Amino acid sequence: TEAAQSMLDSMRDTLEDPVSITMLE
């Protein structure tokens, strides 16, 4: 998730909406 954060930030900037990663627990 630390490594993925920059990809999430870029995706958020592209779509202009919040993005998330979730896992099953």
PDB file of all heavy atoms in Angstrom:
ATOM      1  N   THR A   1       0.814  -1.205   0.000  1.00  0.00           N
ATOM      2  CA  THR A   1       0.000   0.000   0.000  1.00  0.00           C
ATOM      3  C   THR A   1       0.854   1.263   0.000  1.00  0.00           C
ATOM      4  O   THR A   1       0.475   2.273  -0.603  1.00  0.00           O
ATOM      5  CB  THR A   1      -0.954   0.020   1.212  1.00  0.00           C
ATOM      6  OG1 THR A   1      -0.203  -0.156   2.418  1.00  0.00           O
ATOM      7  CG2 THR A   1      -1.989  -1.083   1.093  1.00  0.00           C
ATOM      8  N   GLU A   2       2.000   1.196   0.664  1.00  0.00           N
ATOM      9  CA  GLU A   2       2.906   2.346   0.622  1.00  0.00           C
ATOM     10  C   GLU A   2       3.411   2.569  -0.801  1.00  0.00           C
ATOM     11  O   GLU A   2       3.453   3.701  -1.292  1.00  0.00           O
ATOM     12  CB  GLU A   2       4.071   2.129   1.579  1.00  0.00           C
ATOM     13  CG  GLU A   2       3.678   2.210   3.046  1.00  0.00           C
ATOM     14  CD  GLU A   2       4.822   1.832   3.974  1.00  0.00           C
ATOM     15  OE1 GLU A   2       5.883   1.416   3.463  1.00  0.00           O
ATOM     16  OE2 GLU A   2       4.644   1.956   5.196  1.00  0.00           O
ATOM     17  N   ALA A   3       3.790   1.481  -1.467  1.00  0.00           N
ATOM     18  CA  ALA A   3       4.273   1.595  -2.843  1.00  0.00           C
ATOM     19  C   ALA A   3       3.165   2.019  -3.796  1.00  0.00           C
ATOM     20  O   ALA A   3       3.422   2.674  -4.810  1.00  0.00           O
ATOM     21  CB  ALA A   3       4.871   0.260  -3.293  1.00  0.00           C
ATOM     22  N   ALA A   4       1.919   1.652  -3.473  1.00  0.00           N
ATOM     23  CA  ALA A   4       0.788   1.947  -4.363  1.00  0.00           C
ATOM     24  C   ALA A   4       0.270   3.368  -4.216  1.00  0.00           C
ATOM     25  O   ALA A   4      -0.480   3.844  -5.080  1.00  0.00           O
ATOM     26  CB  ALA A   4      -0.345   0.970  -4.086  1.00  0.00           C
ATOM     27  N   GLN A   5       0.654   4.068  -3.160  1.00  0.00           N
ATOM     28  CA  GLN A   5       0.034   5.359  -2.870  1.00  0.00           C
ATOM     29  C   GLN A   5       0.193   6.371  -4.002  1.00  0.00           C
ATOM     30  O   GLN A   5      -0.745   7.107  -4.332  1.00  0.00           O
ATOM     31  CB  GLN A   5       0.599   5.939  -1.573  1.00  0.00           C
ATOM     32  CG  GLN A   5      -0.159   7.175  -1.082  1.00  0.00           C
ATOM     33  CD  GLN A   5      -1.611   6.883  -0.768  1.00  0.00           C
ATOM     34  OE1 GLN A   5      -1.916   5.940  -0.047  1.00  0.00           O
ATOM     35  NE2 GLN A   5      -2.521   7.694  -1.322  1.00  0.00           N
ATOM     36  N   SER A   6       1.365   6.417  -4.616  1.00  0.00           N
ATOM     37  CA  SER A   6       1.563   7.386  -5.703  1.00  0.00           C
ATOM     38  C   SER A   6       0.655   7.070  -6.890  1.00  0.00           C
ATOM     39  O   SER A   6       0.178   7.987  -7.577  1.00  0.00           O
ATOM     40  CB  SER A   6       3.030   7.403  -6.144  1.00  0.00           C
ATOM     41  OG  SER A   6       3.419   6.140  -6.662  1.00  0.00           O
ATOM     42  N   MET A   7       0.381   5.798  -7.134  1.00  0.00           N
ATOM     43  CA  MET A   7      -0.528   5.415  -8.206  1.00  0.00           C
ATOM     44  C   MET A   7      -1.958   5.837  -7.874  1.00  0.00           C
ATOM     45  O   MET A   7      -2.708   6.288  -8.750  1.00  0.00           O
ATOM     46  CB  MET A   7      -0.446   3.904  -8.454  1.00  0.00           C
ATOM     47  CG  MET A   7       0.934   3.457  -8.933  1.00  0.00           C
ATOM     48  SD  MET A   7       1.098   1.652  -9.045  1.00  0.00           S
ATOM     49  CE  MET A   7      -0.026   1.290 -10.375  1.00  0.00           C
ATOM     50  N   LEU A   8      -2.333   5.712  -6.609  1.00  0.00           N
ATOM     51  CA  LEU A   8      -3.660   6.163  -6.193  1.00  0.00           C
ATOM     52  C   LEU A   8      -3.786   7.675  -6.337  1.00  0.00           C
ATOM     53  O   LEU A   8      -4.818   8.183  -6.800  1.00  0.00           O
ATOM     54  CB  LEU A   8      -3.924   5.764  -4.740  1.00  0.00           C
ATOM     55  CG  LEU A   8      -4.009   4.277  -4.412  1.00  0.00           C
ATOM     56  CD1 LEU A   8      -4.383   4.091  -2.951  1.00  0.00           C
ATOM     57  CD2 LEU A   8      -4.995   3.560  -5.301  1.00  0.00           C
ATOM     58  N   ASP A   9      -2.739   8.396  -5.950  1.00  0.00           N
ATOM     59  CA  ASP A   9      -2.771   9.855  -6.066  1.00  0.00           C
ATOM     60  C   ASP A   9      -2.932  10.286  -7.522  1.00  0.00           C
ATOM     61  O   ASP A   9      -3.708  11.204  -7.828  1.00  0.00           O
ATOM     62  CB  ASP A   9      -1.492  10.458  -5.488  1.00  0.00           C
ATOM     63  CG  ASP A   9      -1.384  10.265  -3.983  1.00  0.00           C
ATOM     64  OD1 ASP A   9      -2.416  10.000  -3.337  1.00  0.00           O
ATOM     65  OD2 ASP A   9      -0.255  10.376  -3.455  1.00  0.00           O
ATOM     66  N   SER A  10      -2.210   9.610  -8.417  1.00  0.00           N
ATOM     67  CA  SER A  10      -2.301   9.942  -9.835  1.00  0.00           C
ATOM     68  C   SER A  10      -3.688   9.638 -10.389  1.00  0.00           C
ATOM     69  O   SER A  10      -4.263  10.431 -11.153  1.00  0.00           O
ATOM     70  CB  SER A  10      -1.244   9.151 -10.617  1.00  0.00           C
ATOM     71  OG  SER A  10      -1.359   9.391 -11.996  1.00  0.00           O
ATOM     72  N   MET A  11      -4.256   8.521  -9.999  1.00  0.00           N
ATOM     73  CA  MET A  11      -5.595   8.149 -10.448  1.00  0.00           C
ATOM     74  C   MET A  11      -6.636   9.137  -9.923  1.00  0.00           C
ATOM     75  O   MET A  11      -7.563   9.533 -10.636  1.00  0.00           O
ATOM     76  CB  MET A  11      -5.906   6.733  -9.980  1.00  0.00           C
ATOM     77  CG  MET A  11      -7.231   6.180 -10.458  1.00  0.00           C
ATOM     78  SD  MET A  11      -7.433   4.470  -9.912  1.00  0.00           S
ATOM     79  CE  MET A  11      -9.167   4.222 -10.331  1.00  0.00           C
ATOM     80  N   ARG A  12      -6.490   9.547  -8.678  1.00  0.00           N
ATOM     81  CA  ARG A  12      -7.381  10.544  -8.104  1.00  0.00           C
ATOM     82  C   ARG A  12      -7.328  11.854  -8.879  1.00  0.00           C
ATOM     83  O   ARG A  12      -8.354  12.471  -9.172  1.00  0.00           O
ATOM     84  CB  ARG A  12      -6.994  10.781  -6.646  1.00  0.00           C
ATOM     85  CG  ARG A  12      -7.845  11.806  -5.925  1.00  0.00           C
ATOM     86  CD  ARG A  12      -7.109  12.951  -5.251  1.00  0.00           C
ATOM     87  NE  ARG A  12      -5.720  13.126  -5.517  1.00  0.00           N
ATOM     88  CZ  ARG A  12      -4.787  13.161  -4.572  1.00  0.00           C
ATOM     89  NH1 ARG A  12      -5.108  12.960  -3.305  1.00  0.00           N
ATOM     90  NH2 ARG A  12      -3.529  13.401  -4.890  1.00  0.00           N
ATOM     91  N   ASP A  13      -6.127  12.271  -9.258  1.00  0.00           N
ATOM     92  CA  ASP A  13      -5.983  13.511 -10.014  1.00  0.00           C
ATOM     93  C   ASP A  13      -6.610  13.402 -11.400  1.00  0.00           C
ATOM     94  O   ASP A  13      -7.151  14.380 -11.927  1.00  0.00           O
ATOM     95  CB  ASP A  13      -4.505  13.878 -10.133  1.00  0.00           C
ATOM     96  CG  ASP A  13      -3.870  14.208  -8.788  1.00  0.00           C
ATOM     97  OD1 ASP A  13      -4.631  14.473  -7.833  1.00  0.00           O
ATOM     98  OD2 ASP A  13      -2.633  14.179  -8.693  1.00  0.00           O
ATOM     99  N   THR A  14      -6.535  12.212 -11.999  1.00  0.00           N
ATOM    100  CA  THR A  14      -7.112  11.999 -13.325  1.00  0.00           C
ATOM    101  C   THR A  14      -8.641  12.026 -13.283  1.00  0.00           C
ATOM    102  O   THR A  14      -9.289  12.681 -14.101  1.00  0.00           O
ATOM    103  CB  THR A  14      -6.639  10.660 -13.916  1.00  0.00           C
ATOM    104  OG1 THR A  14      -5.227  10.695 -14.062  1.00  0.00           O
ATOM    105  CG2 THR A  14      -7.285  10.386 -15.271  1.00  0.00           C
ATOM    106  N   LEU A  15      -9.215  11.323 -12.309  1.00  0.00           N
ATOM    107  CA  LEU A  15     -10.674  11.192 -12.232  1.00  0.00           C
ATOM    108  C   LEU A  15     -11.322  12.278 -11.385  1.00  0.00           C
ATOM    109  O   LEU A  15     -12.547  12.469 -11.449  1.00  0.00           O
ATOM    110  CB  LEU A  15     -11.040   9.822 -11.666  1.00  0.00           C
ATOM    111  CG  LEU A  15     -10.593   8.621 -12.494  1.00  0.00           C
ATOM    112  CD1 LEU A  15     -10.990   7.316 -11.805  1.00  0.00           C
ATOM    113  CD2 LEU A  15     -11.194   8.682 -13.902  1.00  0.00           C
ATOM    114  N   GLU A  16     -10.525  12.959 -10.587  1.00  0.00           N
ATOM    115  CA  GLU A  16     -11.022  14.014  -9.701  1.00  0.00           C
ATOM    116  C   GLU A  16     -12.052  13.492  -8.706  1.00  0.00           C
ATOM    117  O   GLU A  16     -13.015  14.170  -8.358  1.00  0.00           O
ATOM    118  CB  GLU A  16     -11.593  15.182 -10.518  1.00  0.00           C
ATOM    119  CG  GLU A  16     -10.579  15.825 -11.447  1.00  0.00           C
ATOM    120  CD  GLU A  16     -11.147  16.991 -12.229  1.00  0.00           C
ATOM    121  OE1 GLU A  16     -12.336  16.913 -12.604  1.00  0.00           O
ATOM    122  OE2 GLU A  16     -10.419  17.961 -12.453  1.00  0.00           O
ATOM    123  N   ASP A  17     -11.840  12.260  -8.269  1.00  0.00           N
ATOM    124  CA  ASP A  17     -12.675  11.638  -7.252  1.00  0.00           C
ATOM    125  C   ASP A  17     -11.795  10.751  -6.382  1.00  0.00           C
ATOM    126  O   ASP A  17     -10.731  10.295  -6.829  1.00  0.00           O
ATOM    127  CB  ASP A  17     -13.787  10.801  -7.892  1.00  0.00           C
ATOM    128  CG  ASP A  17     -15.039  11.622  -8.181  1.00  0.00           C
ATOM    129  OD1 ASP A  17     -15.501  12.334  -7.272  1.00  0.00           O
ATOM    130  OD2 ASP A  17     -15.548  11.549  -9.314  1.00  0.00           O
ATOM    131  N   PRO A  18     -12.201  10.469  -5.142  1.00  0.00           N
ATOM    132  CA  PRO A  18     -11.376   9.647  -4.256  1.00  0.00           C
ATOM    133  C   PRO A  18     -11.278   8.208  -4.742  1.00  0.00           C
ATOM    134  O   PRO A  18     -12.248   7.639  -5.253  1.00  0.00           O
ATOM    135  CB  PRO A  18     -12.106   9.721  -2.911  1.00  0.00           C
ATOM    136  CG  PRO A  18     -13.497  10.132  -3.238  1.00  0.00           C
ATOM    137  CD  PRO A  18     -13.410  10.978  -4.449  1.00  0.00           C
ATOM    138  N   VAL A  19     -10.101   7.623  -4.576  1.00  0.00           N
ATOM    139  CA  VAL A  19      -9.869   6.223  -4.944  1.00  0.00           C
ATOM    140  C   VAL A  19      -9.288   5.494  -3.736  1.00  0.00           C
ATOM    141  O   VAL A  19      -8.639   6.097  -2.880  1.00  0.00           O
ATOM    142  CB  VAL A  19      -8.931   6.094  -6.161  1.00  0.00           C
ATOM    143  CG1 VAL A  19      -9.565   6.698  -7.395  1.00  0.00           C
ATOM    144  CG2 VAL A  19      -7.584   6.737  -5.886  1.00  0.00           C
ATOM    145  N   SER A  20      -9.534   4.188  -3.701  1.00  0.00           N
ATOM    146  CA  SER A  20      -9.155   3.407  -2.519  1.00  0.00           C
ATOM    147  C   SER A  20      -8.716   2.004  -2.903  1.00  0.00           C
ATOM    148  O   SER A  20      -9.042   1.509  -3.988  1.00  0.00           O
ATOM    149  CB  SER A  20     -10.343   3.284  -1.549  1.00  0.00           C
ATOM    150  OG  SER A  20     -10.901   4.539  -1.238  1.00  0.00           O
ATOM    151  N   ILE A  21      -7.989   1.374  -1.993  1.00  0.00           N
ATOM    152  CA  ILE A  21      -7.699  -0.065  -2.067  1.00  0.00           C
ATOM    153  C   ILE A  21      -8.289  -0.692  -0.813  1.00  0.00           C
ATOM    154  O   ILE A  21      -8.107  -0.177   0.298  1.00  0.00           O
ATOM    155  CB  ILE A  21      -6.195  -0.345  -2.141  1.00  0.00           C
ATOM    156  CG1 ILE A  21      -5.616   0.198  -3.451  1.00  0.00           C
ATOM    157  CG2 ILE A  21      -5.913  -1.842  -2.037  1.00  0.00           C
ATOM    158  CD1 ILE A  21      -4.106   0.087  -3.544  1.00  0.00           C
ATOM    159  N   THR A  22      -9.007  -1.793  -0.990  1.00  0.00           N
ATOM    160  CA  THR A  22      -9.571  -2.513   0.144  1.00  0.00           C
ATOM    161  C   THR A  22      -9.154  -3.976   0.090  1.00  0.00           C
ATOM    162  O   THR A  22      -8.803  -4.499  -0.968  1.00  0.00           O
ATOM    163  CB  THR A  22     -11.106  -2.445   0.167  1.00  0.00           C
ATOM    164  OG1 THR A  22     -11.622  -3.132  -0.973  1.00  0.00           O
ATOM    165  CG2 THR A  22     -11.592  -1.008   0.164  1.00  0.00           C
ATOM    166  N   MET A  23      -9.211  -4.625   1.252  1.00  0.00           N
ATOM    167  CA  MET A  23      -8.942  -6.054   1.361  1.00  0.00           C
ATOM    168  C   MET A  23     -10.025  -6.700   2.203  1.00  0.00           C
ATOM    169  O   MET A  23     -10.698  -6.024   2.995  1.00  0.00           O
ATOM    170  CB  MET A  23      -7.556  -6.304   1.973  1.00  0.00           C
ATOM    171  CG  MET A  23      -6.424  -5.848   1.092  1.00  0.00           C
ATOM    172  SD  MET A  23      -4.805  -6.142   1.855  1.00  0.00           S
ATOM    173  CE  MET A  23      -3.722  -5.487   0.581  1.00  0.00           C
ATOM    174  N   LEU A  24     -10.179  -7.994   2.029  1.00  0.00           N
ATOM    175  CA  LEU A  24     -11.198  -8.740   2.757  1.00  0.00           C
ATOM    176  C   LEU A  24     -10.689  -9.120   4.137  1.00  0.00           C
ATOM    177  O   LEU A  24      -9.608  -9.689   4.277  1.00  0.00           O
ATOM    178  CB  LEU A  24     -11.570  -9.997   1.966  1.00  0.00           C
ATOM    179  CG  LEU A  24     -12.748 -10.825   2.493  1.00  0.00           C
ATOM    180  CD1 LEU A  24     -14.041 -10.024   2.394  1.00  0.00           C
ATOM    181  CD2 LEU A  24     -12.871 -12.116   1.695  1.00  0.00           C
ATOM    182  N   GLU A  25     -11.466  -8.797   5.152  1.00  0.00           N
ATOM    183  CA  GLU A  25     -11.116  -9.163   6.527  1.00  0.00           C
ATOM    184  C   GLU A  25     -12.398  -9.389   7.308  1.00  0.00           C
ATOM    185  O   GLU A  25     -13.257  -8.503   7.390  1.00  0.00           O
ATOM    186  CB  GLU A  25     -10.296  -8.064   7.193  1.00  0.00           C
ATOM    187  CG  GLU A  25      -9.864  -8.395   8.613  1.00  0.00           C
ATOM    188  CD  GLU A  25      -9.047  -7.278   9.236  1.00  0.00           C
ATOM    189  OE1 GLU A  25      -8.031  -6.886   8.633  1.00  0.00           O
ATOM    190  OE2 GLU A  25      -9.434  -6.798  10.312  1.00  0.00           O
TER     191      GLU A  25
END
